[in-house]
Protein backbone atom coordinates (compact mmCIF):
# COMPACT_ATOMS: atom_id res chain seq x y z
CA MET A 1 169.44 149.63 98.09
CA ALA A 2 170.61 151.23 101.32
CA GLY A 3 168.44 148.86 103.31
CA ALA A 4 169.87 145.83 101.51
CA ARG A 5 173.42 146.98 102.19
CA GLU A 6 172.65 147.41 105.89
CA GLY A 7 171.18 143.89 106.08
CA MET A 8 174.24 142.30 104.44
CA ARG A 9 176.52 144.23 106.80
CA ALA A 10 174.64 142.93 109.88
CA LEU A 11 174.76 139.32 108.57
CA ARG A 12 178.52 139.44 108.12
CA ALA A 13 178.96 140.80 111.63
CA VAL A 14 176.91 137.96 113.14
CA SER A 15 178.85 135.31 111.20
CA ALA A 16 182.19 136.70 112.33
CA ARG A 17 181.03 136.71 115.95
CA GLN A 18 180.02 133.00 115.82
CA LEU A 19 183.35 131.89 114.31
CA SER A 20 185.30 133.69 116.99
CA ARG A 21 183.40 131.81 119.79
CA PRO A 22 185.25 128.62 121.03
CA ALA A 23 183.57 125.28 120.06
CA ALA A 24 181.89 123.41 122.92
CA ARG A 25 182.99 119.82 123.74
CA PRO A 26 180.51 117.14 122.61
CA CYS A 27 179.12 115.18 125.58
CA PRO A 28 176.44 112.46 125.73
CA ARG A 29 173.06 113.38 127.05
CA ARG A 30 172.42 112.14 130.56
CA PHE A 31 169.30 110.09 131.10
CA ALA A 32 167.34 109.45 134.25
CA SER A 33 168.63 105.85 134.45
CA SER A 34 172.27 106.96 134.53
CA ALA A 35 171.50 109.35 137.35
CA ALA A 36 169.77 106.64 139.29
CA ALA A 37 172.63 104.21 138.67
CA SER A 38 175.14 106.69 140.06
CA GLN A 39 173.22 106.71 143.33
CA SER A 40 172.95 102.87 143.51
CA PRO A 41 175.28 100.97 145.90
CA LEU A 42 176.23 98.65 142.94
CA ALA A 43 177.66 101.53 140.94
CA ALA A 44 181.21 100.56 141.87
CA VAL A 45 180.63 96.94 140.83
CA GLU A 46 179.17 97.85 137.47
CA GLU A 47 182.21 99.93 136.62
CA SER A 48 184.37 96.76 136.42
CA THR A 49 183.53 94.74 133.24
CA SER A 50 183.98 91.01 132.57
CA PHE A 51 186.80 91.75 130.13
CA SER A 52 188.97 92.86 133.00
CA THR A 53 188.15 89.80 135.19
CA PRO A 54 190.91 87.13 135.11
CA GLY A 55 190.01 83.64 133.76
CA PRO A 56 189.96 80.41 135.79
CA ASP A 57 193.24 78.70 136.54
CA GLU A 58 194.26 75.31 135.12
CA ASN A 59 193.34 73.36 138.25
CA THR A 60 189.77 74.66 138.16
CA VAL A 61 189.37 73.75 134.48
CA LYS A 62 190.81 70.25 135.02
CA ALA A 63 188.51 69.56 137.98
CA PHE A 64 185.47 70.70 135.94
CA LYS A 65 186.31 68.37 133.03
CA GLU A 66 186.83 65.39 135.33
CA ALA A 67 183.50 65.94 137.07
CA LYS A 68 181.69 66.19 133.72
CA THR A 69 183.28 62.97 132.44
CA ASN A 70 182.36 61.03 135.59
CA ASN A 71 178.72 62.14 135.42
CA THR A 72 178.19 61.14 131.75
CA ARG A 73 180.20 57.89 131.77
CA ASP A 74 177.40 55.81 133.29
CA LYS A 75 174.76 57.25 130.93
CA GLN A 76 176.61 56.48 127.70
CA LEU A 77 175.84 53.32 125.72
CA PRO A 78 178.65 50.82 125.25
CA GLY A 79 180.48 50.62 121.97
CA SER A 80 178.98 48.81 119.01
CA ARG A 81 181.33 45.85 119.45
CA TYR A 82 180.01 45.34 123.00
CA GLN A 83 176.30 45.74 122.19
CA PHE A 84 174.03 42.70 121.94
CA HIS A 85 173.12 41.72 118.38
CA PRO A 86 170.60 38.88 117.96
CA PRO A 87 171.84 36.09 115.70
CA LYS A 88 170.90 36.34 112.06
CA TYR A 89 170.14 32.61 111.72
CA ASN A 90 168.61 30.07 114.08
CA ARG A 91 171.17 27.27 114.43
CA GLY A 92 169.04 24.90 116.48
CA PRO A 93 167.98 24.47 120.12
CA LEU A 94 171.40 23.15 121.19
CA HIS A 95 173.41 26.13 119.96
CA PRO A 96 174.86 28.25 122.81
CA ILE A 97 173.58 31.48 121.23
CA GLN A 98 169.79 31.56 120.98
CA SER A 99 167.55 34.17 119.38
CA PRO A 100 165.41 36.18 121.83
CA PRO A 101 161.64 35.66 121.68
CA SER A 102 159.62 37.80 119.30
CA SER A 103 158.19 39.72 122.27
CA ASP A 104 161.68 41.09 123.05
CA PRO A 105 162.27 44.52 121.41
CA THR A 106 165.83 43.46 120.50
CA ALA A 107 164.59 40.51 118.41
CA ARG A 108 164.82 40.72 114.65
CA ASP A 109 161.22 39.54 114.22
CA PHE A 110 159.83 41.87 116.92
CA VAL A 111 156.33 43.12 116.18
CA PRO A 112 154.78 45.62 118.64
CA GLY A 113 151.40 44.76 120.00
CA PRO A 114 148.83 43.47 120.48
CA PHE A 115 146.98 46.72 121.01
CA ASN A 116 143.48 45.26 121.33
CA LEU A 117 141.81 42.02 122.43
CA PRO A 118 139.35 40.62 119.87
CA ARG A 119 135.96 39.57 121.18
CA LEU A 120 136.30 36.03 119.83
CA LYS A 121 139.76 35.64 121.40
CA HIS A 122 138.36 36.72 124.76
CA THR A 123 135.53 34.20 124.35
CA TYR A 124 138.05 31.48 123.52
CA ASP A 125 140.21 32.19 126.55
CA SER A 126 137.31 32.46 128.99
CA MET A 127 134.85 29.80 127.73
CA ILE A 128 135.97 27.65 124.80
CA ALA A 129 139.43 26.66 126.08
CA PRO A 130 138.13 25.42 129.49
CA ASP A 131 135.32 23.49 127.75
CA LEU A 132 137.76 21.81 125.34
CA MET A 133 140.03 20.86 128.20
CA THR A 134 137.09 19.36 130.10
CA LEU A 135 135.66 17.47 127.12
CA THR A 136 138.98 15.93 126.11
CA TYR A 137 140.18 15.07 129.63
CA THR A 138 141.49 11.53 130.00
CA HIS A 139 142.17 10.33 133.51
CA LYS A 140 145.41 8.45 133.99
CA PRO A 141 146.00 7.04 137.47
CA PRO A 142 149.46 7.23 139.05
CA GLY A 143 151.84 4.67 137.59
CA TYR A 144 149.97 4.36 134.28
CA GLU A 145 152.14 3.43 131.30
CA ALA A 146 150.82 3.93 127.79
CA PRO A 147 151.05 0.82 125.57
CA GLU A 148 153.52 0.89 122.76
CA SER A 149 152.07 1.73 119.38
CA ASN A 150 153.69 1.55 115.99
CA LYS A 151 151.10 3.81 114.37
CA GLY A 152 152.74 6.35 112.10
CA GLU A 153 156.23 4.85 112.41
CA LEU A 154 158.41 3.58 109.57
CA ARG A 155 158.59 -0.18 109.18
CA GLU A 156 161.70 -2.29 108.96
CA TRP A 157 162.30 -4.80 106.17
CA ASP A 158 161.99 -8.43 107.21
CA GLY A 159 165.25 -9.48 105.57
CA SER A 160 163.66 -12.20 103.43
CA SER A 161 165.53 -10.93 100.38
CA PRO A 162 169.19 -9.98 99.98
CA TYR A 163 168.01 -6.72 98.42
CA HIS A 164 166.59 -5.61 101.79
CA LYS A 165 170.07 -4.95 103.14
CA ASN A 166 170.97 -1.24 103.56
CA ARG A 167 167.58 -0.15 102.22
CA PRO A 168 165.69 2.71 103.92
CA ARG A 169 162.72 1.82 106.07
CA ARG A 170 159.27 1.54 104.54
CA GLY A 171 156.44 3.98 105.13
CA PRO A 172 153.44 3.18 107.36
CA ARG A 173 150.53 1.11 106.18
CA GLY A 174 147.56 2.85 104.61
CA GLY A 175 146.98 5.40 101.91
CA GLN A 176 149.67 7.87 102.90
CA SER A 177 150.61 8.41 99.22
CA GLY A 178 154.30 8.09 99.98
CA ARG A 179 154.53 10.58 102.86
CA LEU A 180 154.29 10.29 106.61
CA GLY A 181 151.28 12.06 108.10
CA LEU A 182 151.32 14.17 111.24
CA VAL A 183 150.93 12.09 114.40
CA GLU A 184 148.02 13.27 116.52
CA LYS A 185 148.93 14.44 119.98
CA ASP A 186 146.65 14.17 122.97
CA MET A 187 144.93 17.42 123.94
CA SER A 188 145.89 18.79 127.33
CA TRP A 189 146.06 22.13 129.10
CA HIS A 190 149.30 23.16 127.34
CA ASN A 191 148.43 22.22 123.72
CA LEU A 192 144.78 23.13 123.22
CA PRO A 193 144.00 23.90 119.55
CA GLU A 194 143.53 27.52 118.57
CA ILE A 195 143.56 29.61 115.41
CA ALA A 196 147.06 30.21 114.05
CA ALA A 197 146.29 31.96 110.74
CA VAL A 198 143.54 32.54 108.18
CA THR A 199 144.30 32.64 104.45
CA VAL A 200 141.83 34.31 102.08
CA ASN A 201 142.45 33.43 98.44
CA SER A 202 140.47 34.69 95.44
CA TYR A 203 141.08 32.96 92.11
CA ALA A 204 139.87 34.59 88.88
CA PRO A 205 141.06 32.65 85.81
CA GLU A 206 139.39 35.23 83.54
CA ALA A 207 142.11 37.69 84.61
CA ALA A 208 144.46 36.04 82.11
CA ASP A 209 142.56 37.80 79.27
CA ASN A 210 140.92 40.70 81.09
CA LYS A 211 142.91 42.51 83.79
CA GLU A 212 139.76 44.05 85.23
CA TYR A 213 138.95 40.73 86.90
CA LEU A 214 142.27 40.89 88.74
CA ASP A 215 141.68 44.49 89.85
CA VAL A 216 138.26 43.64 91.25
CA ALA A 217 139.61 40.52 93.00
CA ARG A 218 142.37 42.54 94.66
CA ALA A 219 139.93 45.24 95.73
CA VAL A 220 137.50 42.69 97.20
CA VAL A 221 140.19 40.81 99.15
CA GLN A 222 141.66 44.04 100.48
CA ALA A 223 138.23 45.29 101.55
CA ILE A 224 137.20 42.19 103.52
CA THR A 225 140.60 41.59 105.15
CA GLY A 226 141.94 45.11 105.67
CA GLU A 227 145.41 44.23 104.31
CA PHE A 228 147.08 44.73 100.94
CA PRO A 229 146.80 41.44 99.01
CA GLU A 230 149.55 39.52 97.28
CA VAL A 231 149.06 38.75 93.58
CA THR A 232 149.24 35.02 92.84
CA ARG A 233 150.36 33.33 89.62
CA THR A 234 149.37 30.01 88.12
CA LYS A 235 151.85 27.18 88.61
CA SER A 236 150.81 25.11 85.60
CA ASN A 237 148.93 25.38 82.31
CA VAL A 238 145.14 24.91 82.31
CA ILE A 239 144.09 24.40 78.70
CA HIS A 240 140.29 24.43 79.05
CA TRP A 241 140.48 27.70 81.05
CA GLY A 242 142.95 29.34 78.70
CA VAL A 243 145.46 29.90 81.52
CA ARG A 244 149.19 29.65 81.03
CA LYS A 245 151.89 29.12 83.59
CA GLY A 246 153.07 32.32 85.30
CA GLN A 247 150.02 34.49 84.58
CA LYS A 248 148.50 36.70 87.30
CA THR A 249 145.13 35.20 88.12
CA GLY A 250 144.36 35.89 91.77
CA ALA A 251 145.01 37.62 95.09
CA LYS A 252 145.87 36.23 98.51
CA VAL A 253 146.10 37.55 102.09
CA THR A 254 147.21 35.70 105.25
CA LEU A 255 145.92 37.04 108.58
CA ARG A 256 147.53 36.19 111.91
CA GLY A 257 146.95 37.05 115.53
CA GLY A 258 144.08 39.36 116.40
CA ALA A 259 143.26 40.06 112.74
CA ALA A 260 142.59 36.35 112.17
CA TYR A 261 140.21 36.15 115.12
CA GLU A 262 138.38 39.29 114.02
CA PHE A 263 137.91 37.90 110.50
CA VAL A 264 136.57 34.57 111.83
CA ASP A 265 134.24 36.43 114.18
CA LYS A 266 132.89 38.51 111.28
CA LEU A 267 132.53 35.40 109.14
CA VAL A 268 130.58 33.41 111.76
CA THR A 269 128.45 36.28 113.05
CA LEU A 270 127.58 38.35 109.96
CA VAL A 271 128.31 36.47 106.72
CA LEU A 272 127.45 32.78 107.11
CA PRO A 273 124.06 33.25 108.85
CA LYS A 274 122.83 35.30 105.85
CA ILE A 275 123.46 32.50 103.33
CA LYS A 276 120.18 30.71 102.58
CA ASP A 277 120.19 26.89 102.46
CA TRP A 278 123.88 26.73 103.37
CA PRO A 279 124.51 23.28 104.87
CA GLY A 280 127.84 24.18 106.48
CA VAL A 281 131.43 23.08 106.14
CA LYS A 282 132.00 19.73 104.49
CA GLY A 283 132.89 17.05 107.03
CA SER A 284 135.69 15.65 104.87
CA SER A 285 137.42 19.02 104.67
CA GLY A 286 140.96 19.10 106.03
CA ASP A 287 144.56 18.20 105.27
CA ARG A 288 145.05 15.68 108.15
CA ALA A 289 147.04 18.33 110.05
CA GLY A 290 144.24 20.38 111.67
CA ASN A 291 143.71 22.89 108.83
CA LEU A 292 140.23 23.18 107.35
CA GLY A 293 138.79 25.21 104.49
CA LEU A 294 135.55 26.44 102.96
CA GLY A 295 134.55 28.36 99.86
CA LEU A 296 132.19 31.27 99.20
CA ASN A 297 130.36 31.81 95.93
CA PRO A 298 130.50 35.22 94.18
CA GLU A 299 126.87 36.01 95.09
CA TRP A 300 127.68 35.46 98.77
CA MET A 301 130.46 38.05 98.85
CA SER A 302 127.95 40.89 99.19
CA TYR A 303 127.16 39.72 102.74
CA PHE A 304 130.47 41.10 104.01
CA PRO A 305 129.73 44.47 105.65
CA GLU A 306 132.63 46.16 103.82
CA LEU A 307 131.15 45.20 100.46
CA GLU A 308 127.48 45.53 101.40
CA TYR A 309 127.90 49.19 102.37
CA ASN A 310 128.96 50.28 98.85
CA PHE A 311 128.30 47.24 96.70
CA ASP A 312 127.63 49.43 93.65
CA MET A 313 131.33 50.25 93.48
CA TYR A 314 132.16 46.62 92.54
CA PRO A 315 130.86 45.32 89.18
CA SER A 316 128.61 42.33 89.87
CA SER A 317 129.67 40.60 86.66
CA LEU A 318 133.34 40.74 87.73
CA MET A 319 132.76 39.76 91.38
CA PRO A 320 134.91 36.71 92.29
CA GLY A 321 134.42 34.11 94.98
CA CYS A 322 137.02 33.23 97.60
CA ASP A 323 138.51 30.27 99.43
CA ILE A 324 139.08 30.57 103.17
CA ILE A 325 141.67 28.28 104.82
CA ILE A 326 141.67 28.29 108.63
CA GLN A 327 144.98 27.06 110.05
CA THR A 328 144.84 25.73 113.61
CA THR A 329 147.45 24.43 116.01
CA GLY A 330 145.68 21.07 116.23
CA THR A 331 147.54 17.97 115.07
CA SER A 332 144.57 16.29 113.33
CA ASP A 333 141.36 17.17 111.52
CA ARG A 334 139.39 15.96 114.53
CA GLN A 335 140.98 18.57 116.78
CA GLY A 336 140.57 21.33 114.18
CA ARG A 337 136.92 20.38 113.61
CA LEU A 338 136.30 20.36 117.36
CA LEU A 339 137.68 23.90 117.62
CA LEU A 340 135.65 25.24 114.69
CA GLU A 341 132.47 23.67 116.05
CA ALA A 342 133.05 25.49 119.34
CA LEU A 343 133.56 28.76 117.40
CA GLY A 344 130.21 28.34 115.60
CA PHE A 345 130.94 26.56 112.29
CA PRO A 346 128.41 23.84 111.35
CA PHE A 347 129.54 20.63 109.61
CA TYR A 348 127.66 18.25 107.34
CA GLY A 349 128.22 14.98 105.50
CA LYS A 350 130.51 12.15 106.33
CA VAL A 351 133.03 13.09 109.00
CA THR A 352 136.52 11.68 108.49
CA TYR A 353 139.17 11.32 111.17
């Protein structure tokens, strides 16, 4: 017990001694960087902070804003009321405001491209076009005047009857079926015929009762053309086929530009040579305006490389045929036939002009 009392007495004495000692001031610990900074020649500069630095005067701020405005004024686009907007409608060649060409990025019908040059288009530009210009060249000496021709023009009434007065002029002679045909223009260096568009149409009348025929026709047209087809509807009733007006019975795609040349190249090089006993395109084919057509049977569709690669995916019993219409810039069937013959299409039968 005596030892415990002595220990408690010593503990109280130590506690009283610590309370009587004055408390030391708290100070931050000095690091090596602060010691080095005190010896640096920039120590006096670092003591003054940015909060104590006075701001710029009004003249300096005004000069800065004016310089910034002058630099960005030339780079800004004009207001919307001053920007060029191509006209929404074409009001004729004599209107003072004309639409820009389709090659202009500001045009409404601008389409970027072309990004590649088809092989058949290169062949046409380098070989076929010069040959057509040479074959159809007609020499006209200086001072030559073409004789007047009334071919394709409307005829006047002879006035032998009082009912001829104020009547419209009559159509040309021949079987024009009440309409005026396109007048053929002479071929020259600036109007050589070339391919304008290719339309691939697949008609499946069985699709009126079974929609699977329409699905296969759409898949086939999309595979051989590379574009999403448009579904076509019948325009009139066909009783013996069981088709009513307005039903979906086919698919259609129109190719233009490089896609049209690539499709014709594939057709002439890969598809048509594989058809056995195929005589060629019928000589009477055409619409008297330079557009010619041909048809492919369902069993010939497998010769397309897109279908031949995985032909098992398409049911053979549902495979449709297709009609191919080649639109040219020629003004007569003779010019369109001359172009297709140069591209590799054979013709047979009676040729009509």
